[in-house]
Amino acid sequence: MATVTVGHNGSRSGVSKTASKFEEEFGTEYFDADGSNNLKISGTVHMDNSGTMFFKAGNGDAVLGSAFYANLVPSGALVNGQSNAKQITASTYISSGQTLTISEDFYVWSDSISTPALVIDIACTIVNNGYIMGQGGVGASQGSPQSGGPAIKINSGVTGVTIQNNSGAYIAGGGGGGNAGGWAGSGGGAGGAAGGGPNGSGAGTGGAGGTLNATGSNGGYGYNGQGGFGGGAGGGGGSYDASGPGVYGGGGGGGGRILPGTGGSGGGPSPYGYAGGPGGSAGNSGSSGSAPGGGGWGAAGGGGSYAGGKAIDDSGVSYTLTNNGTIYGAT
């Protein structure tokens, strides 16, 4: 059972209490809405099944990652020092017709291309001041890469949804993985996707995808090829030397989870080699090369065919979108 520090009635100093006992023992709390300790909203603090604390106002609206309870998130739930919630569903926090707010610098994310970062399963309003990001598709290892995953999915048949993306906020589908090409590994897509590692005992391994607010890892060197570089968005493809024996090219760089993020460079050629394609930056596709780079946020991987994930997958239903921030991927 995690022990967390909580504030009471607007106080930031707090006292230690066991998380599961918080609501029972403290009852009504106050969210310091404007940071001045003057504008207070009555409500209660809750914990979801993943251990993320959230504020629930008296009218039922919920806030993820507010300044008031940012310190309530158990330290084990932080990822690279970032407050976050992974693969969430709106009805976990609010009821139909209510508002779920994602605070500034709070990450809602996914680590699966088949599972959105946020599923909207009820009529509601989503107010985003932070980051909502899908998972990227892995780069090719002389085989099939993956397309990127969606950031938000509105379930089929759900109506009455409004999404408000405020200034400074991001909604980003994952980047597509770089397609197969040559004898080197392709770059992973933006959204934490691994780079591809070509076959062969002397080949370089693919770089791991980046964690929250971090670049992906560089691809490994092969016997006759340099690995692609990890990106804040798409990872770069590896290089290989056509004069060398066998399949010994470099691995693809991993895609990162930085918004907006820049793409990783492709592996450089030897005198007889072929350079890897750079990864895509922000919302740009990866470039072709001996092995293509991974796609930036919401964009296709190099070499075609493997698309970026949608920012909002609406399942064919109508919804209202107000965007004053940045969106990468189809809506």
Protein backbone atom coordinates (compact mmCIF):
# COMPACT_ATOMS: atom_id res chain seq x y z
CA MET A 1 0.00 0.00 0.00
CA ALA A 2 1.60 3.27 -1.10
CA THR A 3 2.10 6.17 1.31
CA VAL A 4 1.71 9.61 -0.26
CA THR A 5 1.85 13.21 0.92
CA VAL A 6 -1.41 15.11 0.70
CA GLY A 7 -2.46 18.71 1.24
CA HIS A 8 -5.62 19.69 3.08
CA ASN A 9 -7.95 22.62 2.38
CA GLY A 10 -5.50 24.29 0.00
CA SER A 11 -2.35 23.72 2.07
CA ARG A 12 0.73 22.66 0.09
CA SER A 13 2.64 21.45 3.19
CA GLY A 14 0.58 18.32 3.57
CA VAL A 15 0.59 15.35 5.93
CA SER A 16 1.38 11.71 5.29
CA LYS A 17 -1.53 9.35 4.84
CA THR A 18 -2.04 5.98 3.22
CA ALA A 19 -3.44 6.44 -0.28
CA SER A 20 -6.38 4.07 0.04
CA LYS A 21 -7.43 5.76 3.31
CA PHE A 22 -7.20 9.31 1.96
CA GLU A 23 -10.77 9.85 0.88
CA GLU A 24 -12.24 8.17 3.94
CA GLU A 25 -10.16 10.11 6.46
CA PHE A 26 -10.07 13.53 4.81
CA GLY A 27 -13.36 13.79 2.95
CA THR A 28 -13.64 17.18 1.30
CA GLU A 29 -10.50 18.70 -0.21
CA TYR A 30 -9.90 21.83 -2.27
CA PHE A 31 -8.18 22.23 -5.63
CA ASP A 32 -6.21 25.49 -5.84
CA ALA A 33 -7.49 26.29 -9.32
CA ASP A 34 -5.41 29.39 -10.13
CA GLY A 35 -2.26 28.81 -8.04
CA SER A 36 -3.00 31.78 -5.77
CA ASN A 37 -4.58 29.76 -2.96
CA ASN A 38 -7.63 32.04 -3.34
CA LEU A 39 -9.77 30.28 -5.93
CA LYS A 40 -10.70 26.92 -4.41
CA ILE A 41 -13.04 24.25 -5.73
CA SER A 42 -14.53 21.79 -3.28
CA GLY A 43 -14.16 18.12 -4.08
CA THR A 44 -12.43 14.86 -3.20
CA VAL A 45 -9.22 13.14 -4.20
CA HIS A 46 -9.40 9.63 -5.65
CA MET A 47 -7.00 6.98 -6.88
CA ASP A 48 -7.54 4.94 -10.05
CA ASN A 49 -6.57 1.27 -10.45
CA SER A 50 -3.08 2.16 -11.69
CA GLY A 51 -2.29 4.26 -8.60
CA THR A 52 -2.76 7.66 -10.23
CA MET A 53 -4.39 10.26 -7.99
CA PHE A 54 -7.00 12.61 -9.43
CA PHE A 55 -9.21 15.43 -8.15
CA LYS A 56 -12.98 15.13 -8.46
CA ALA A 57 -14.99 18.31 -8.05
CA GLY A 58 -18.34 18.43 -6.34
CA ASN A 59 -20.12 18.59 -9.72
CA GLY A 60 -18.43 15.36 -10.83
CA ASP A 61 -15.85 16.90 -13.20
CA ALA A 62 -12.34 15.48 -12.80
CA VAL A 63 -8.80 16.83 -13.17
CA LEU A 64 -5.70 14.74 -13.91
CA GLY A 65 -2.36 16.19 -12.84
CA SER A 66 -3.38 19.45 -11.15
CA ALA A 67 -0.70 21.54 -9.45
CA PHE A 68 -2.39 20.93 -6.11
CA TYR A 69 -2.10 17.16 -6.08
CA ALA A 70 0.84 16.62 -8.43
CA ASN A 71 2.81 15.53 -5.35
CA LEU A 72 0.12 12.97 -4.57
CA VAL A 73 1.23 10.69 -7.40
CA PRO A 74 3.21 7.88 -5.73
CA SER A 75 6.87 8.09 -6.73
CA GLY A 76 6.70 4.64 -8.28
CA ALA A 77 4.10 5.94 -10.75
CA LEU A 78 6.40 8.63 -12.15
CA VAL A 79 8.03 7.80 -15.49
CA ASN A 80 11.31 9.62 -16.12
CA GLY A 81 10.17 12.11 -13.50
CA GLN A 82 6.92 12.83 -15.38
CA SER A 83 3.44 12.65 -13.85
CA ASN A 84 1.37 10.43 -16.10
CA ALA A 85 -1.47 8.00 -16.64
CA LYS A 86 -1.22 5.12 -19.11
CA GLN A 87 -4.05 3.88 -21.33
CA ILE A 88 -7.03 5.39 -19.56
CA THR A 89 -10.79 5.39 -20.13
CA ALA A 90 -12.94 8.48 -19.56
CA SER A 91 -15.61 6.71 -17.51
CA THR A 92 -13.00 5.74 -14.91
CA TYR A 93 -12.93 9.38 -13.82
CA ILE A 94 -16.24 10.99 -14.78
CA SER A 95 -19.85 10.21 -15.60
CA SER A 96 -21.73 11.02 -18.78
CA GLY A 97 -21.98 14.76 -19.50
CA GLN A 98 -19.09 15.76 -17.23
CA THR A 99 -15.63 17.19 -17.97
CA LEU A 100 -12.22 15.52 -17.67
CA THR A 101 -9.31 17.98 -17.62
CA ILE A 102 -5.70 16.96 -18.29
CA SER A 103 -3.36 19.44 -16.66
CA GLU A 104 -0.27 21.12 -18.03
CA ASP A 105 2.83 18.87 -18.20
CA PHE A 106 0.76 15.74 -17.49
CA TYR A 107 1.21 12.81 -19.89
CA VAL A 108 -1.54 10.45 -21.02
CA TRP A 109 0.17 7.76 -23.09
CA SER A 110 0.14 4.24 -24.47
CA ASP A 111 2.71 1.50 -24.94
CA SER A 112 0.63 -0.55 -27.39
CA ILE A 113 -0.29 0.30 -30.98
CA SER A 114 -3.63 -1.47 -30.49
CA THR A 115 -4.59 0.43 -27.31
CA PRO A 116 -5.19 4.21 -27.43
CA ALA A 117 -3.80 6.49 -24.77
CA LEU A 118 -7.34 7.72 -24.02
CA VAL A 119 -10.59 5.90 -24.77
CA ILE A 120 -13.73 8.03 -24.70
CA ASP A 121 -16.65 5.72 -23.93
CA ILE A 122 -19.25 8.25 -22.73
CA ALA A 123 -20.65 11.63 -23.72
CA CYS A 124 -18.26 14.15 -22.13
CA THR A 125 -15.88 17.05 -22.59
CA ILE A 126 -12.11 16.48 -22.63
CA VAL A 127 -10.00 19.56 -21.89
CA ASN A 128 -6.34 18.95 -22.68
CA ASN A 129 -3.58 21.18 -21.34
CA GLY A 130 -0.91 18.48 -21.41
CA TYR A 131 0.18 15.63 -23.67
CA ILE A 132 -1.88 12.79 -25.12
CA MET A 133 0.31 10.45 -27.19
CA GLY A 134 -0.08 7.17 -29.02
CA GLN A 135 2.48 4.38 -29.34
CA GLY A 136 4.82 4.29 -32.35
CA GLY A 137 5.28 1.35 -34.71
CA VAL A 138 8.50 -0.66 -34.57
CA GLY A 139 11.02 -0.42 -37.40
CA ALA A 140 11.55 -3.25 -39.86
CA SER A 141 14.10 -5.99 -39.27
CA GLN A 142 14.10 -7.10 -42.93
CA GLY A 143 10.43 -7.89 -42.37
CA SER A 144 7.20 -6.07 -41.66
CA PRO A 145 7.26 -2.99 -39.43
CA GLN A 146 4.17 -1.58 -37.72
CA SER A 147 1.90 1.40 -38.19
CA GLY A 148 1.56 3.86 -35.31
CA GLY A 149 -1.24 3.71 -32.76
CA PRO A 150 -3.92 6.35 -32.00
CA ALA A 151 -3.75 8.91 -29.21
CA ILE A 152 -7.53 9.12 -28.61
CA LYS A 153 -10.33 6.78 -29.63
CA ILE A 154 -14.02 7.61 -29.41
CA ASN A 155 -15.92 4.36 -29.16
CA SER A 156 -18.50 3.51 -31.80
CA GLY A 157 -21.97 4.81 -30.99
CA VAL A 158 -20.77 7.41 -28.46
CA THR A 159 -22.19 10.89 -29.15
CA GLY A 160 -22.03 14.24 -27.40
CA VAL A 161 -18.22 14.35 -27.22
CA THR A 162 -16.28 17.62 -27.18
CA ILE A 163 -12.47 17.77 -27.23
CA GLN A 164 -10.73 21.03 -26.39
CA ASN A 165 -6.98 21.11 -27.04
CA ASN A 166 -5.64 24.28 -25.44
CA SER A 167 -2.62 26.42 -26.28
CA GLY A 168 0.63 24.59 -25.49
CA ALA A 169 -1.08 21.20 -25.42
CA TYR A 170 -0.46 18.26 -27.77
CA ILE A 171 -2.48 15.35 -29.15
CA ALA A 172 -0.25 13.06 -31.20
CA GLY A 173 -0.67 9.70 -32.89
CA GLY A 174 2.34 7.41 -32.91
CA GLY A 175 4.69 7.45 -35.89
CA GLY A 176 4.84 4.54 -38.33
CA GLY A 177 7.90 2.29 -38.37
CA GLY A 178 10.41 2.51 -41.21
CA ASN A 179 9.81 -0.05 -43.97
CA ALA A 180 12.25 -2.83 -44.76
CA GLY A 181 15.16 -1.86 -46.98
CA GLY A 182 18.61 -3.26 -47.68
CA TRP A 183 20.50 -5.14 -45.01
CA ALA A 184 20.11 -2.77 -42.08
CA GLY A 185 17.42 -2.12 -39.48
CA SER A 186 14.87 0.64 -39.95
CA GLY A 187 14.00 3.36 -37.45
CA GLY A 188 11.17 3.12 -34.92
CA GLY A 189 8.27 5.56 -35.03
CA ALA A 190 7.72 8.48 -32.65
CA GLY A 191 5.98 7.25 -29.55
CA GLY A 192 8.61 4.99 -28.02
CA ALA A 193 8.96 2.36 -30.76
CA ALA A 194 12.06 0.19 -31.03
CA GLY A 195 14.26 0.26 -34.11
CA GLY A 196 14.65 -2.82 -36.24
CA GLY A 197 17.64 -5.14 -35.94
CA PRO A 198 18.75 -6.94 -39.12
CA ASN A 199 19.34 -10.67 -39.11
CA GLY A 200 22.83 -12.15 -38.97
CA SER A 201 25.36 -12.91 -36.24
CA GLY A 202 27.35 -9.74 -36.95
CA ALA A 203 24.38 -7.40 -37.33
CA GLY A 204 23.62 -4.48 -35.03
CA THR A 205 20.67 -4.59 -32.66
CA GLY A 206 17.78 -2.15 -32.88
CA GLY A 207 17.69 0.75 -30.41
CA ALA A 208 15.08 0.76 -27.66
CA GLY A 209 12.24 3.27 -27.77
CA GLY A 210 12.40 6.30 -25.51
CA THR A 211 10.50 6.72 -22.30
CA LEU A 212 8.38 9.81 -21.55
CA ASN A 213 10.09 13.07 -22.55
CA ALA A 214 13.20 11.19 -23.75
CA THR A 215 14.86 10.19 -27.02
CA GLY A 216 15.11 6.63 -28.24
CA SER A 217 18.39 4.71 -28.03
CA ASN A 218 20.85 4.47 -30.91
CA GLY A 219 20.91 1.33 -33.01
CA GLY A 220 23.90 -0.95 -32.55
CA TYR A 221 26.85 -1.13 -34.94
CA GLY A 222 27.00 -4.09 -37.28
CA TYR A 223 30.14 -5.71 -38.64
CA ASN A 224 29.84 -3.54 -41.73
CA GLY A 225 27.29 -0.86 -40.86
CA GLN A 226 26.57 1.96 -38.42
CA GLY A 227 23.40 2.02 -36.38
CA GLY A 228 20.78 4.72 -36.83
CA PHE A 229 20.45 7.35 -34.14
CA GLY A 230 17.58 7.50 -31.70
CA GLY A 231 15.21 10.42 -32.11
CA GLY A 232 13.00 12.56 -29.94
CA ALA A 233 10.42 11.73 -32.63
CA GLY A 234 11.26 9.10 -35.34
CA GLY A 235 14.44 7.02 -35.10
CA GLY A 236 17.01 6.92 -37.92
CA GLY A 237 17.65 3.86 -40.10
CA GLY A 238 20.92 1.93 -39.98
CA SER A 239 23.55 1.79 -42.73
CA TYR A 240 25.36 -1.11 -44.39
CA ASP A 241 28.37 -1.69 -46.60
CA ALA A 242 27.50 -3.42 -49.84
CA SER A 243 31.05 -4.72 -50.22
CA GLY A 244 30.97 -6.67 -46.98
CA PRO A 245 29.95 -10.31 -46.59
CA GLY A 246 26.57 -11.37 -45.27
CA VAL A 247 23.94 -9.41 -43.42
CA TYR A 248 25.89 -7.28 -40.99
CA GLY A 249 24.24 -3.86 -41.18
CA GLY A 250 23.55 -1.47 -38.31
CA GLY A 251 20.36 -1.51 -36.26
CA GLY A 252 17.66 1.15 -36.50
CA GLY A 253 17.40 3.92 -33.90
CA GLY A 254 14.52 3.92 -31.46
CA GLY A 255 11.70 6.45 -31.63
CA GLY A 256 11.34 8.91 -28.75
CA ARG A 257 8.55 10.41 -26.70
CA ILE A 258 9.39 14.12 -26.89
CA LEU A 259 6.84 16.57 -28.24
CA PRO A 260 7.33 18.01 -30.75
CA GLY A 261 10.68 16.22 -31.08
CA THR A 262 13.29 15.91 -33.83
CA GLY A 263 14.12 12.83 -35.87
CA GLY A 264 17.29 10.81 -35.35
CA SER A 265 19.99 10.82 -38.04
CA GLY A 266 20.50 7.79 -40.24
CA GLY A 267 23.63 5.70 -39.91
CA GLY A 268 26.49 7.07 -42.02
CA PRO A 269 27.91 5.12 -44.98
CA SER A 270 31.34 3.57 -45.25
CA PRO A 271 33.25 4.20 -48.53
CA TYR A 272 31.19 1.46 -50.21
CA GLY A 273 28.08 1.73 -48.12
CA TYR A 274 24.58 3.07 -48.07
CA ALA A 275 23.43 5.62 -45.48
CA GLY A 276 20.32 5.07 -43.40
CA GLY A 277 17.31 7.36 -43.73
CA PRO A 278 16.74 10.01 -41.04
CA GLY A 279 13.73 9.70 -38.77
CA GLY A 280 10.85 12.12 -39.16
CA SER A 281 10.62 15.20 -36.93
CA ALA A 282 7.36 16.26 -35.30
CA GLY A 283 4.62 15.48 -37.88
CA ASN A 284 6.93 14.57 -40.79
CA SER A 285 7.41 11.18 -42.42
CA GLY A 286 10.65 9.25 -42.12
CA SER A 287 13.10 9.38 -45.03
CA SER A 288 14.19 6.53 -47.26
CA GLY A 289 17.75 5.18 -47.28
CA SER A 290 19.54 1.86 -47.00
CA ALA A 291 16.99 1.36 -44.22
CA PRO A 292 14.26 4.03 -43.83
CA GLY A 293 13.74 6.20 -40.77
CA GLY A 294 10.72 5.99 -38.51
CA GLY A 295 7.87 8.46 -38.84
CA GLY A 296 7.46 11.55 -36.69
CA TRP A 297 4.31 11.99 -34.61
CA GLY A 298 1.23 10.96 -36.57
CA ALA A 299 3.31 10.45 -39.75
CA ALA A 300 4.29 7.46 -41.88
CA GLY A 301 7.59 5.67 -41.63
CA GLY A 302 10.06 6.00 -44.49
CA GLY A 303 9.59 3.69 -47.46
CA GLY A 304 5.79 4.01 -47.38
CA SER A 305 2.98 1.65 -46.38
CA TYR A 306 3.17 1.97 -42.59
CA ALA A 307 1.07 4.93 -41.55
CA GLY A 308 1.20 7.17 -38.56
CA GLY A 309 -1.49 6.72 -35.93
CA LYS A 310 -4.51 8.99 -35.75
CA ALA A 311 -4.60 11.79 -33.24
CA ILE A 312 -8.32 11.12 -32.83
CA ASP A 313 -9.96 7.92 -34.08
CA ASP A 314 -13.64 8.86 -34.13
CA SER A 315 -15.01 5.43 -35.14
CA GLY A 316 -17.20 7.26 -37.65
CA VAL A 317 -19.16 9.28 -35.08
CA SER A 318 -19.50 13.07 -34.99
CA TYR A 319 -17.79 15.10 -32.29
CA THR A 320 -16.72 18.69 -31.65
CA LEU A 321 -13.03 19.65 -31.72
CA THR A 322 -11.57 23.01 -30.68
CA ASN A 323 -7.84 23.13 -31.27
CA ASN A 324 -5.67 25.98 -30.03
CA GLY A 325 -2.69 23.72 -29.43
CA THR A 326 -0.90 21.22 -31.68
CA ILE A 327 -2.26 18.02 -33.22
CA TYR A 328 -0.20 15.43 -35.12
CA GLY A 329 -2.15 12.79 -37.01
CA ALA A 330 -5.57 12.52 -38.57
CA THR A 331 -8.71 13.65 -36.74
